[in-house]
Amino acid sequence: MKRTIETSAGALTLECNAATPFIVKRMCSFDMLKYFTETNIDDGLLLDQIERFEMIIYVMHLQATKSTREALNSTMDEFPEWLAGYSIQEMTSEIIPEGINLWVTSEQTSTRAKNPEGQQ
């Protein structure tokens, strides 16, 4: 699932799919699924939480702009330069919430039954 967000730096396209948690774990060395279940974003985000969400957003951006294989073989080397293109305000108030919403929407879409009960 893809989504494009208009930012001060231009259009930012994010993609989220079943490979996202795997790529995040490989590139960032943390379990994205576990992190989402343990983080309560309703109370606001702490600095270390913002940093992890920024990394997740970066991976989603790589998935949208590269093939899955290329994204999987990417490193975090270009992350600081990419991140510098956005303000903290924009990242925390617009980009991270959109990325989280994309993940939630993607999960809801992927968990629907393909053959609902009663249909043959």
N, C-alpha and C. Protein backbone atom coordinates (compact mmCIF):
# COMPACT_ATOMS: atom_id res chain seq x y z
N MET A 1 0.84 -1.16 0.00
CA MET A 1 0.00 0.00 0.00
C MET A 1 0.90 1.24 0.00
N LYS A 2 0.60 2.18 -0.86
CA LYS A 2 1.38 3.41 -0.98
C LYS A 2 0.55 4.63 -0.63
N ARG A 3 1.27 5.65 -0.16
CA ARG A 3 0.63 6.93 0.13
C ARG A 3 1.65 8.02 -0.12
N THR A 4 1.21 9.12 -0.72
CA THR A 4 2.08 10.27 -0.95
C THR A 4 1.62 11.41 -0.06
N ILE A 5 2.59 12.01 0.63
CA ILE A 5 2.33 13.11 1.55
C ILE A 5 3.01 14.35 0.98
N GLU A 6 2.31 15.46 0.96
CA GLU A 6 2.92 16.72 0.55
C GLU A 6 3.63 17.32 1.75
N THR A 7 4.93 17.58 1.59
CA THR A 7 5.74 18.15 2.67
C THR A 7 6.42 19.43 2.18
N SER A 8 7.09 20.11 3.09
CA SER A 8 7.82 21.32 2.71
C SER A 8 8.95 21.01 1.73
N ALA A 9 9.43 19.77 1.75
CA ALA A 9 10.50 19.35 0.85
C ALA A 9 9.96 18.76 -0.45
N GLY A 10 8.64 18.75 -0.61
CA GLY A 10 8.02 18.17 -1.80
C GLY A 10 7.25 16.91 -1.45
N ALA A 11 6.89 16.16 -2.46
CA ALA A 11 6.11 14.94 -2.24
C ALA A 11 6.98 13.85 -1.62
N LEU A 12 6.45 13.20 -0.59
CA LEU A 12 7.13 12.09 0.08
C LEU A 12 6.22 10.88 -0.06
N THR A 13 6.69 9.87 -0.79
CA THR A 13 5.90 8.67 -1.00
C THR A 13 6.39 7.58 -0.05
N LEU A 14 5.43 6.96 0.63
CA LEU A 14 5.71 5.87 1.56
C LEU A 14 5.00 4.62 1.08
N GLU A 15 5.62 3.47 1.31
CA GLU A 15 4.99 2.20 0.99
C GLU A 15 5.14 1.27 2.19
N CYS A 16 4.07 0.56 2.45
CA CYS A 16 4.06 -0.35 3.59
C CYS A 16 3.44 -1.66 3.14
N ASN A 17 4.13 -2.77 3.45
CA ASN A 17 3.61 -4.08 3.10
C ASN A 17 4.19 -5.12 4.07
N ALA A 18 4.01 -6.36 3.77
CA ALA A 18 4.47 -7.43 4.66
C ALA A 18 5.98 -7.43 4.85
N ALA A 19 6.72 -6.88 3.90
CA ALA A 19 8.19 -6.85 4.02
C ALA A 19 8.68 -5.75 4.95
N THR A 20 7.85 -4.77 5.25
CA THR A 20 8.28 -3.63 6.05
C THR A 20 8.90 -4.03 7.39
N PRO A 21 8.22 -4.83 8.23
CA PRO A 21 8.84 -5.19 9.51
C PRO A 21 10.18 -5.92 9.35
N PHE A 22 10.27 -6.77 8.33
CA PHE A 22 11.51 -7.50 8.09
C PHE A 22 12.65 -6.55 7.72
N ILE A 23 12.36 -5.60 6.84
CA ILE A 23 13.39 -4.64 6.41
C ILE A 23 13.78 -3.74 7.58
N VAL A 24 12.80 -3.30 8.37
CA VAL A 24 13.11 -2.47 9.55
C VAL A 24 14.03 -3.23 10.50
N LYS A 25 13.70 -4.49 10.76
CA LYS A 25 14.53 -5.28 11.68
C LYS A 25 15.94 -5.44 11.13
N ARG A 26 16.06 -5.68 9.85
CA ARG A 26 17.38 -5.87 9.24
C ARG A 26 18.19 -4.58 9.22
N MET A 27 17.56 -3.47 8.86
CA MET A 27 18.28 -2.20 8.73
C MET A 27 18.48 -1.49 10.07
N CYS A 28 17.50 -1.58 10.95
CA CYS A 28 17.49 -0.76 12.17
C CYS A 28 17.71 -1.54 13.45
N SER A 29 17.74 -2.85 13.38
CA SER A 29 18.02 -3.73 14.53
C SER A 29 16.99 -3.63 15.65
N PHE A 30 15.72 -3.45 15.29
CA PHE A 30 14.67 -3.57 16.29
C PHE A 30 13.42 -4.15 15.65
N ASP A 31 12.58 -4.74 16.48
CA ASP A 31 11.36 -5.40 16.02
C ASP A 31 10.23 -4.38 15.94
N MET A 32 9.88 -3.99 14.73
CA MET A 32 8.85 -2.98 14.51
C MET A 32 7.50 -3.39 15.08
N LEU A 33 7.11 -4.63 14.89
CA LEU A 33 5.81 -5.10 15.36
C LEU A 33 5.73 -5.02 16.88
N LYS A 34 6.77 -5.46 17.55
CA LYS A 34 6.82 -5.39 19.00
C LYS A 34 6.82 -3.94 19.46
N TYR A 35 7.57 -3.11 18.75
CA TYR A 35 7.66 -1.70 19.10
C TYR A 35 6.29 -1.01 18.99
N PHE A 36 5.55 -1.28 17.92
CA PHE A 36 4.22 -0.69 17.76
C PHE A 36 3.28 -1.10 18.89
N THR A 37 3.35 -2.35 19.31
CA THR A 37 2.44 -2.82 20.36
C THR A 37 2.82 -2.28 21.73
N GLU A 38 4.09 -1.93 21.93
CA GLU A 38 4.54 -1.44 23.23
C GLU A 38 4.51 0.08 23.35
N THR A 39 4.27 0.79 22.27
CA THR A 39 4.33 2.25 22.27
C THR A 39 2.92 2.84 22.31
N ASN A 40 2.68 3.72 23.28
CA ASN A 40 1.40 4.41 23.39
C ASN A 40 1.58 5.81 22.84
N ILE A 41 1.17 6.01 21.60
CA ILE A 41 1.37 7.32 20.96
C ILE A 41 0.34 8.35 21.39
N ASP A 42 -0.70 7.94 22.08
CA ASP A 42 -1.73 8.88 22.53
C ASP A 42 -1.20 9.86 23.56
N ASP A 43 -0.16 9.48 24.28
CA ASP A 43 0.42 10.34 25.31
C ASP A 43 1.55 11.22 24.78
N GLY A 44 1.76 11.21 23.47
CA GLY A 44 2.87 11.95 22.88
C GLY A 44 4.08 11.05 22.76
N LEU A 45 5.05 11.47 21.98
CA LEU A 45 6.23 10.64 21.73
C LEU A 45 7.45 11.22 22.43
N LEU A 46 8.25 10.36 23.01
CA LEU A 46 9.52 10.75 23.59
C LEU A 46 10.57 10.76 22.48
N LEU A 47 11.71 11.38 22.75
CA LEU A 47 12.74 11.53 21.72
C LEU A 47 13.17 10.20 21.12
N ASP A 48 13.43 9.18 21.96
CA ASP A 48 13.87 7.90 21.40
C ASP A 48 12.76 7.25 20.57
N GLN A 49 11.50 7.50 20.94
CA GLN A 49 10.39 6.97 20.15
C GLN A 49 10.31 7.68 18.80
N ILE A 50 10.52 8.99 18.81
CA ILE A 50 10.50 9.75 17.55
C ILE A 50 11.60 9.22 16.62
N GLU A 51 12.78 8.98 17.17
CA GLU A 51 13.89 8.48 16.35
C GLU A 51 13.55 7.14 15.70
N ARG A 52 12.93 6.25 16.45
CA ARG A 52 12.57 4.95 15.86
C ARG A 52 11.50 5.11 14.80
N PHE A 53 10.50 5.95 15.05
CA PHE A 53 9.46 6.16 14.04
C PHE A 53 10.06 6.82 12.80
N GLU A 54 11.02 7.71 12.97
CA GLU A 54 11.69 8.31 11.80
C GLU A 54 12.38 7.23 10.97
N MET A 55 13.01 6.28 11.64
CA MET A 55 13.67 5.18 10.91
C MET A 55 12.65 4.33 10.17
N ILE A 56 11.50 4.07 10.80
CA ILE A 56 10.45 3.29 10.14
C ILE A 56 9.95 4.04 8.90
N ILE A 57 9.74 5.35 9.04
CA ILE A 57 9.29 6.16 7.91
C ILE A 57 10.33 6.12 6.78
N TYR A 58 11.61 6.17 7.14
CA TYR A 58 12.67 6.10 6.14
C TYR A 58 12.60 4.77 5.38
N VAL A 59 12.40 3.68 6.08
CA VAL A 59 12.27 2.37 5.42
C VAL A 59 11.05 2.37 4.49
N MET A 60 9.94 2.92 4.95
CA MET A 60 8.74 3.00 4.10
C MET A 60 9.03 3.82 2.84
N HIS A 61 9.82 4.88 3.00
CA HIS A 61 10.20 5.70 1.84
C HIS A 61 11.08 4.89 0.87
N LEU A 62 12.04 4.14 1.42
CA LEU A 62 12.89 3.31 0.57
C LEU A 62 12.05 2.28 -0.20
N GLN A 63 11.07 1.69 0.48
CA GLN A 63 10.22 0.70 -0.20
C GLN A 63 9.44 1.34 -1.35
N ALA A 64 9.07 2.61 -1.19
CA ALA A 64 8.30 3.28 -2.23
C ALA A 64 9.17 3.70 -3.41
N THR A 65 10.46 3.88 -3.18
CA THR A 65 11.33 4.41 -4.23
C THR A 65 12.31 3.38 -4.80
N LYS A 66 12.36 2.20 -4.20
CA LYS A 66 13.27 1.15 -4.68
C LYS A 66 12.50 -0.16 -4.76
N SER A 67 13.11 -1.14 -5.41
CA SER A 67 12.52 -2.47 -5.41
C SER A 67 12.66 -3.05 -4.01
N THR A 68 11.91 -4.09 -3.71
CA THR A 68 11.99 -4.73 -2.39
C THR A 68 13.41 -5.22 -2.14
N ARG A 69 14.03 -5.81 -3.12
CA ARG A 69 15.40 -6.32 -2.97
C ARG A 69 16.37 -5.16 -2.67
N GLU A 70 16.23 -4.06 -3.41
CA GLU A 70 17.10 -2.91 -3.16
C GLU A 70 16.87 -2.33 -1.76
N ALA A 71 15.61 -2.23 -1.35
CA ALA A 71 15.30 -1.72 -0.01
C ALA A 71 15.89 -2.64 1.05
N LEU A 72 15.77 -3.94 0.83
CA LEU A 72 16.29 -4.92 1.78
C LEU A 72 17.80 -4.83 1.92
N ASN A 73 18.48 -4.50 0.85
CA ASN A 73 19.94 -4.41 0.87
C ASN A 73 20.46 -3.00 1.17
N SER A 74 19.56 -2.08 1.48
CA SER A 74 19.96 -0.71 1.80
C SER A 74 20.54 -0.65 3.21
N THR A 75 21.20 0.46 3.49
CA THR A 75 21.73 0.71 4.83
C THR A 75 21.16 2.04 5.34
N MET A 76 21.49 2.37 6.54
CA MET A 76 21.03 3.63 7.13
C MET A 76 22.01 4.77 6.84
N ASP A 77 22.98 4.56 5.97
CA ASP A 77 24.01 5.57 5.70
C ASP A 77 23.43 6.90 5.22
N GLU A 78 22.39 6.86 4.42
CA GLU A 78 21.81 8.09 3.87
C GLU A 78 20.68 8.65 4.73
N PHE A 79 20.35 7.95 5.82
CA PHE A 79 19.25 8.37 6.69
C PHE A 79 19.43 9.79 7.25
N PRO A 80 20.60 10.15 7.81
CA PRO A 80 20.72 11.51 8.36
C PRO A 80 20.51 12.61 7.32
N GLU A 81 21.03 12.40 6.13
CA GLU A 81 20.85 13.39 5.06
C GLU A 81 19.38 13.49 4.65
N TRP A 82 18.71 12.35 4.53
CA TRP A 82 17.29 12.33 4.19
C TRP A 82 16.48 13.03 5.27
N LEU A 83 16.77 12.72 6.52
CA LEU A 83 16.03 13.29 7.65
C LEU A 83 16.21 14.80 7.75
N ALA A 84 17.38 15.29 7.38
CA ALA A 84 17.67 16.72 7.45
C ALA A 84 16.77 17.55 6.53
N GLY A 85 16.09 16.91 5.61
CA GLY A 85 15.19 17.61 4.71
C GLY A 85 13.85 17.97 5.33
N TYR A 86 13.62 17.55 6.57
CA TYR A 86 12.34 17.78 7.23
C TYR A 86 12.55 18.42 8.60
N SER A 87 11.61 19.24 9.00
CA SER A 87 11.68 19.83 10.34
C SER A 87 11.14 18.82 11.37
N ILE A 88 11.53 18.99 12.62
CA ILE A 88 11.01 18.12 13.67
C ILE A 88 9.50 18.26 13.76
N GLN A 89 9.01 19.50 13.66
CA GLN A 89 7.57 19.75 13.72
C GLN A 89 6.83 18.99 12.62
N GLU A 90 7.33 19.09 11.41
CA GLU A 90 6.68 18.42 10.28
C GLU A 90 6.74 16.89 10.44
N MET A 91 7.88 16.40 10.89
CA MET A 91 8.03 14.95 11.07
C MET A 91 7.06 14.43 12.13
N THR A 92 6.98 15.12 13.27
CA THR A 92 6.15 14.61 14.37
C THR A 92 4.66 14.90 14.20
N SER A 93 4.31 15.98 13.55
CA SER A 93 2.89 16.32 13.45
C SER A 93 2.22 15.85 12.16
N GLU A 94 3.02 15.59 11.12
CA GLU A 94 2.43 15.21 9.84
C GLU A 94 2.93 13.87 9.31
N ILE A 95 4.24 13.71 9.21
CA ILE A 95 4.80 12.55 8.53
C ILE A 95 4.66 11.27 9.35
N ILE A 96 5.07 11.30 10.62
CA ILE A 96 4.95 10.10 11.45
C ILE A 96 3.49 9.66 11.59
N PRO A 97 2.55 10.57 11.89
CA PRO A 97 1.15 10.12 11.96
C PRO A 97 0.65 9.51 10.65
N GLU A 98 1.05 10.05 9.52
CA GLU A 98 0.64 9.48 8.23
C GLU A 98 1.24 8.09 8.04
N GLY A 99 2.49 7.91 8.44
CA GLY A 99 3.14 6.61 8.34
C GLY A 99 2.47 5.57 9.22
N ILE A 100 2.12 5.98 10.44
CA ILE A 100 1.41 5.07 11.35
C ILE A 100 0.05 4.70 10.77
N ASN A 101 -0.64 5.70 10.25
CA ASN A 101 -1.95 5.45 9.64
C ASN A 101 -1.83 4.51 8.45
N LEU A 102 -0.79 4.68 7.66
CA LEU A 102 -0.55 3.79 6.52
C LEU A 102 -0.34 2.36 7.00
N TRP A 103 0.45 2.17 8.07
CA TRP A 103 0.69 0.84 8.62
C TRP A 103 -0.61 0.22 9.10
N VAL A 104 -1.40 0.98 9.85
CA VAL A 104 -2.66 0.46 10.39
C VAL A 104 -3.60 0.08 9.25
N THR A 105 -3.72 0.94 8.25
CA THR A 105 -4.57 0.66 7.09
C THR A 105 -4.07 -0.57 6.35
N SER A 106 -2.78 -0.69 6.18
CA SER A 106 -2.20 -1.84 5.50
C SER A 106 -2.49 -3.13 6.27
N GLU A 107 -2.38 -3.09 7.57
CA GLU A 107 -2.66 -4.26 8.40
C GLU A 107 -4.13 -4.66 8.32
N GLN A 108 -5.02 -3.69 8.34
CA GLN A 108 -6.45 -3.98 8.25
C GLN A 108 -6.77 -4.61 6.91
N THR A 109 -6.15 -4.10 5.85
CA THR A 109 -6.38 -4.63 4.51
C THR A 109 -5.85 -6.05 4.39
N SER A 110 -4.67 -6.30 4.95
CA SER A 110 -4.04 -7.61 4.77
C SER A 110 -4.63 -8.68 5.67
N THR A 111 -5.41 -8.31 6.68
CA THR A 111 -5.95 -9.31 7.58
C THR A 111 -7.40 -9.66 7.28
N ARG A 112 -7.98 -9.06 6.27
CA ARG A 112 -9.35 -9.42 5.88
C ARG A 112 -9.37 -10.81 5.27
N ALA A 113 -10.43 -11.55 5.58
CA ALA A 113 -10.56 -12.89 5.01
C ALA A 113 -10.77 -12.79 3.51
N LYS A 114 -10.08 -13.61 2.78
CA LYS A 114 -10.22 -13.61 1.32
C LYS A 114 -11.48 -14.36 0.88
N ASN A 115 -11.91 -15.30 1.69
CA ASN A 115 -13.10 -16.08 1.38
C ASN A 115 -13.99 -16.04 2.63
N PRO A 116 -14.85 -15.00 2.77
CA PRO A 116 -15.70 -14.92 3.94
C PRO A 116 -16.54 -16.17 4.14
N GLU A 117 -16.82 -16.46 5.38
CA GLU A 117 -17.62 -17.66 5.69
C GLU A 117 -18.93 -17.65 4.94
N GLY A 118 -19.33 -18.78 4.49
CA GLY A 118 -20.60 -18.92 3.79
C GLY A 118 -20.49 -18.74 2.28
N GLN A 119 -19.33 -18.27 1.80
CA GLN A 119 -19.16 -18.10 0.35
C GLN A 119 -18.26 -19.20 -0.16
N GLN A 120 -18.61 -19.75 -1.28
CA GLN A 120 -17.83 -20.83 -1.87
C GLN A 120 -17.10 -20.34 -3.08
